Amino acid sequence: MTTIYKICTASEWREAERAGAYTGSAVDRRDGFIHFSTAEQAAATAAKHFVGQHDLVLVSVDAANLGKRLKWEPSRGGALFPHLYGTLALAYVLRIEPLPLDTAGRHAFPPLC
């Protein structure tokens, strides 16, 4: 199983739970796809796009469930990042965990697969 990760605000995730699906952040909607990261990319994504932000969650998703709507496309430094074209059904979510800041101001990730 390949697990991919979405970092978003807790309020965005609460809205997804109310709606029954996650349609992405404002940046995702502007870009036309939901940005995800691999376990190896997640910390750098947080440091680049979410520095100092509180009230974030880490959403874990089994990539195999997303089918052909998931594309692996080059981004930072040519690395392939997972991009979901369409909404994320909540049924495909494995875990939702808080992503707090540590004492140095970096996001403290749980163990990632």
C-alpha atoms as a PDB file:
ATOM      1  CA  MET A   1       0.000   0.000   0.000  1.00  0.00           C
ATOM      2  CA  THR A   2       1.224   3.473  -0.903  1.00  0.00           C
ATOM      3  CA  THR A   3       0.037   6.091   1.558  1.00  0.00           C
ATOM      4  CA  ILE A   4      -0.082   9.725   0.452  1.00  0.00           C
ATOM      5  CA  TYR A   5      -0.664  12.741   2.668  1.00  0.00           C
ATOM      6  CA  LYS A   6      -2.657  15.959   2.505  1.00  0.00           C
ATOM      7  CA  ILE A   7      -1.913  18.837   4.870  1.00  0.00           C
ATOM      8  CA  CYS A   8      -4.852  21.161   5.408  1.00  0.00           C
ATOM      9  CA  THR A   9      -6.430  23.305   8.066  1.00  0.00           C
ATOM     10  CA  ALA A  10      -8.694  21.678  10.613  1.00  0.00           C
ATOM     11  CA  SER A  11     -11.524  23.977   9.485  1.00  0.00           C
ATOM     12  CA  GLU A  12     -11.125  22.839   5.862  1.00  0.00           C
ATOM     13  CA  TRP A  13     -11.312  19.248   7.044  1.00  0.00           C
ATOM     14  CA  ARG A  14     -14.393  19.906   9.199  1.00  0.00           C
ATOM     15  CA  GLU A  15     -16.067  21.377   6.103  1.00  0.00           C
ATOM     16  CA  ALA A  16     -15.164  18.235   4.147  1.00  0.00           C
ATOM     17  CA  GLU A  17     -16.754  16.107   6.848  1.00  0.00           C
ATOM     18  CA  ARG A  18     -19.934  18.208   6.674  1.00  0.00           C
ATOM     19  CA  ALA A  19     -19.975  17.996   2.860  1.00  0.00           C
ATOM     20  CA  GLY A  20     -19.079  14.303   2.700  1.00  0.00           C
ATOM     21  CA  ALA A  21     -16.020  14.872   0.468  1.00  0.00           C
ATOM     22  CA  TYR A  22     -12.892  17.016   0.343  1.00  0.00           C
ATOM     23  CA  THR A  23     -12.741  19.365  -2.640  1.00  0.00           C
ATOM     24  CA  GLY A  24      -9.357  20.838  -1.756  1.00  0.00           C
ATOM     25  CA  SER A  25      -7.958  24.079  -0.434  1.00  0.00           C
ATOM     26  CA  ALA A  26      -8.207  27.380  -2.280  1.00  0.00           C
ATOM     27  CA  VAL A  27      -4.784  26.643  -3.829  1.00  0.00           C
ATOM     28  CA  ASP A  28      -5.927  23.167  -4.894  1.00  0.00           C
ATOM     29  CA  ARG A  29      -9.058  24.539  -6.526  1.00  0.00           C
ATOM     30  CA  ARG A  30      -7.026  27.250  -8.294  1.00  0.00           C
ATOM     31  CA  ASP A  31      -4.575  24.634  -9.614  1.00  0.00           C
ATOM     32  CA  GLY A  32      -7.310  22.193 -10.660  1.00  0.00           C
ATOM     33  CA  PHE A  33      -6.187  19.280  -8.498  1.00  0.00           C
ATOM     34  CA  ILE A  34      -5.637  18.338  -4.852  1.00  0.00           C
ATOM     35  CA  HIS A  35      -1.963  18.472  -3.877  1.00  0.00           C
ATOM     36  CA  PHE A  36      -0.657  15.486  -1.910  1.00  0.00           C
ATOM     37  CA  SER A  37       2.808  14.510  -0.693  1.00  0.00           C
ATOM     38  CA  THR A  38       4.563  11.218  -0.087  1.00  0.00           C
ATOM     39  CA  ALA A  39       5.986  10.355   3.343  1.00  0.00           C
ATOM     40  CA  GLU A  40       9.379  11.589   2.131  1.00  0.00           C
ATOM     41  CA  GLN A  41       7.944  14.901   0.852  1.00  0.00           C
ATOM     42  CA  ALA A  42       5.500  15.822   3.628  1.00  0.00           C
ATOM     43  CA  ALA A  43       7.889  17.631   6.005  1.00  0.00           C
ATOM     44  CA  ALA A  44       9.338  19.747   3.189  1.00  0.00           C
ATOM     45  CA  THR A  45       5.811  20.561   2.000  1.00  0.00           C
ATOM     46  CA  ALA A  46       4.879  21.727   5.502  1.00  0.00           C
ATOM     47  CA  ALA A  47       8.054  23.814   5.777  1.00  0.00           C
ATOM     48  CA  LYS A  48       7.520  25.447   2.375  1.00  0.00           C
ATOM     49  CA  HIS A  49       3.774  26.059   2.346  1.00  0.00           C
ATOM     50  CA  PHE A  50       2.589  25.961   5.978  1.00  0.00           C
ATOM     51  CA  VAL A  51       5.445  27.459   7.996  1.00  0.00           C
ATOM     52  CA  GLY A  52       4.300  28.524  11.464  1.00  0.00           C
ATOM     53  CA  GLN A  53       0.649  27.637  10.856  1.00  0.00           C
ATOM     54  CA  HIS A  54      -1.331  26.211  13.749  1.00  0.00           C
ATOM     55  CA  ASP A  55      -4.504  24.130  13.583  1.00  0.00           C
ATOM     56  CA  LEU A  56      -3.390  21.853  10.749  1.00  0.00           C
ATOM     57  CA  VAL A  57      -4.259  18.215  10.197  1.00  0.00           C
ATOM     58  CA  LEU A  58      -2.490  15.467   8.291  1.00  0.00           C
ATOM     59  CA  VAL A  59      -4.842  13.349   6.191  1.00  0.00           C
ATOM     60  CA  SER A  60      -3.541   9.895   5.213  1.00  0.00           C
ATOM     61  CA  VAL A  61      -4.967   8.248   2.094  1.00  0.00           C
ATOM     62  CA  ASP A  62      -4.373   4.897   0.382  1.00  0.00           C
ATOM     63  CA  ALA A  63      -3.277   5.960  -3.115  1.00  0.00           C
ATOM     64  CA  ALA A  64      -4.506   2.698  -4.680  1.00  0.00           C
ATOM     65  CA  ASN A  65      -8.135   3.673  -4.011  1.00  0.00           C
ATOM     66  CA  LEU A  66      -7.890   6.839  -6.122  1.00  0.00           C
ATOM     67  CA  GLY A  67      -7.497   5.093  -9.478  1.00  0.00           C
ATOM     68  CA  LYS A  68      -6.717   6.986 -12.655  1.00  0.00           C
ATOM     69  CA  ARG A  69      -7.684  10.328 -11.114  1.00  0.00           C
ATOM     70  CA  LEU A  70      -4.327  10.253  -9.236  1.00  0.00           C
ATOM     71  CA  LYS A  71      -1.444  11.493 -11.368  1.00  0.00           C
ATOM     72  CA  TRP A  72       2.225  11.566 -10.380  1.00  0.00           C
ATOM     73  CA  GLU A  73       3.577  14.812 -11.782  1.00  0.00           C
ATOM     74  CA  PRO A  74       6.889  16.688 -11.500  1.00  0.00           C
ATOM     75  CA  SER A  75       7.041  19.595  -9.067  1.00  0.00           C
ATOM     76  CA  ARG A  76       9.753  20.823  -6.653  1.00  0.00           C
ATOM     77  CA  GLY A  77      13.134  19.967  -8.140  1.00  0.00           C
ATOM     78  CA  GLY A  78      11.543  17.586 -10.650  1.00  0.00           C
ATOM     79  CA  ALA A  79      10.323  15.180  -7.948  1.00  0.00           C
ATOM     80  CA  LEU A  80       7.058  13.401  -8.711  1.00  0.00           C
ATOM     81  CA  PHE A  81       4.180  14.496  -6.482  1.00  0.00           C
ATOM     82  CA  PRO A  82       0.741  12.879  -6.254  1.00  0.00           C
ATOM     83  CA  HIS A  83      -2.060  15.093  -7.583  1.00  0.00           C
ATOM     84  CA  LEU A  84      -5.724  14.087  -7.373  1.00  0.00           C
ATOM     85  CA  TYR A  85      -7.934  15.351 -10.174  1.00  0.00           C
ATOM     86  CA  GLY A  86     -11.359  15.374  -8.546  1.00  0.00           C
ATOM     87  CA  THR A  87     -12.730  15.233  -5.045  1.00  0.00           C
ATOM     88  CA  LEU A  88     -11.486  13.002  -2.257  1.00  0.00           C
ATOM     89  CA  ALA A  89     -14.182  10.682  -0.918  1.00  0.00           C
ATOM     90  CA  LEU A  90     -13.940  10.424   2.861  1.00  0.00           C
ATOM     91  CA  ALA A  91     -14.172   6.626   2.580  1.00  0.00           C
ATOM     92  CA  TYR A  92     -10.605   6.605   1.204  1.00  0.00           C
ATOM     93  CA  VAL A  93      -9.144   8.353   4.241  1.00  0.00           C
ATOM     94  CA  LEU A  94      -7.090   6.100   6.514  1.00  0.00           C
ATOM     95  CA  ARG A  95      -6.366   8.589   9.324  1.00  0.00           C
ATOM     96  CA  ILE A  96      -6.696  12.241  10.255  1.00  0.00           C
ATOM     97  CA  GLU A  97      -4.126  13.415  12.782  1.00  0.00           C
ATOM     98  CA  PRO A  98      -3.263  16.809  14.237  1.00  0.00           C
ATOM     99  CA  LEU A  99      -0.071  18.410  12.934  1.00  0.00           C
ATOM    100  CA  PRO A 100       1.145  20.565  15.825  1.00  0.00           C
ATOM    101  CA  LEU A 101       4.213  22.777  15.962  1.00  0.00           C
ATOM    102  CA  ASP A 102       7.143  21.608  18.055  1.00  0.00           C
ATOM    103  CA  THR A 103       9.175  23.881  20.356  1.00  0.00           C
ATOM    104  CA  ALA A 104      11.359  24.927  17.396  1.00  0.00           C
ATOM    105  CA  GLY A 105       8.296  25.991  15.386  1.00  0.00           C
ATOM    106  CA  ARG A 106       8.413  23.056  12.954  1.00  0.00           C
ATOM    107  CA  HIS A 107       5.480  20.739  12.374  1.00  0.00           C
ATOM    108  CA  ALA A 108       5.727  17.561  14.446  1.00  0.00           C
ATOM    109  CA  PHE A 109       4.761  14.646  12.214  1.00  0.00           C
ATOM    110  CA  PRO A 110       3.568  11.279  13.453  1.00  0.00           C
ATOM    111  CA  PRO A 111       5.424   8.247  12.050  1.00  0.00           C
ATOM    112  CA  LEU A 112       4.684   8.059   8.302  1.00  0.00           C
ATOM    113  CA  CYS A 113       4.540   4.948   6.115  1.00  0.00           C
END
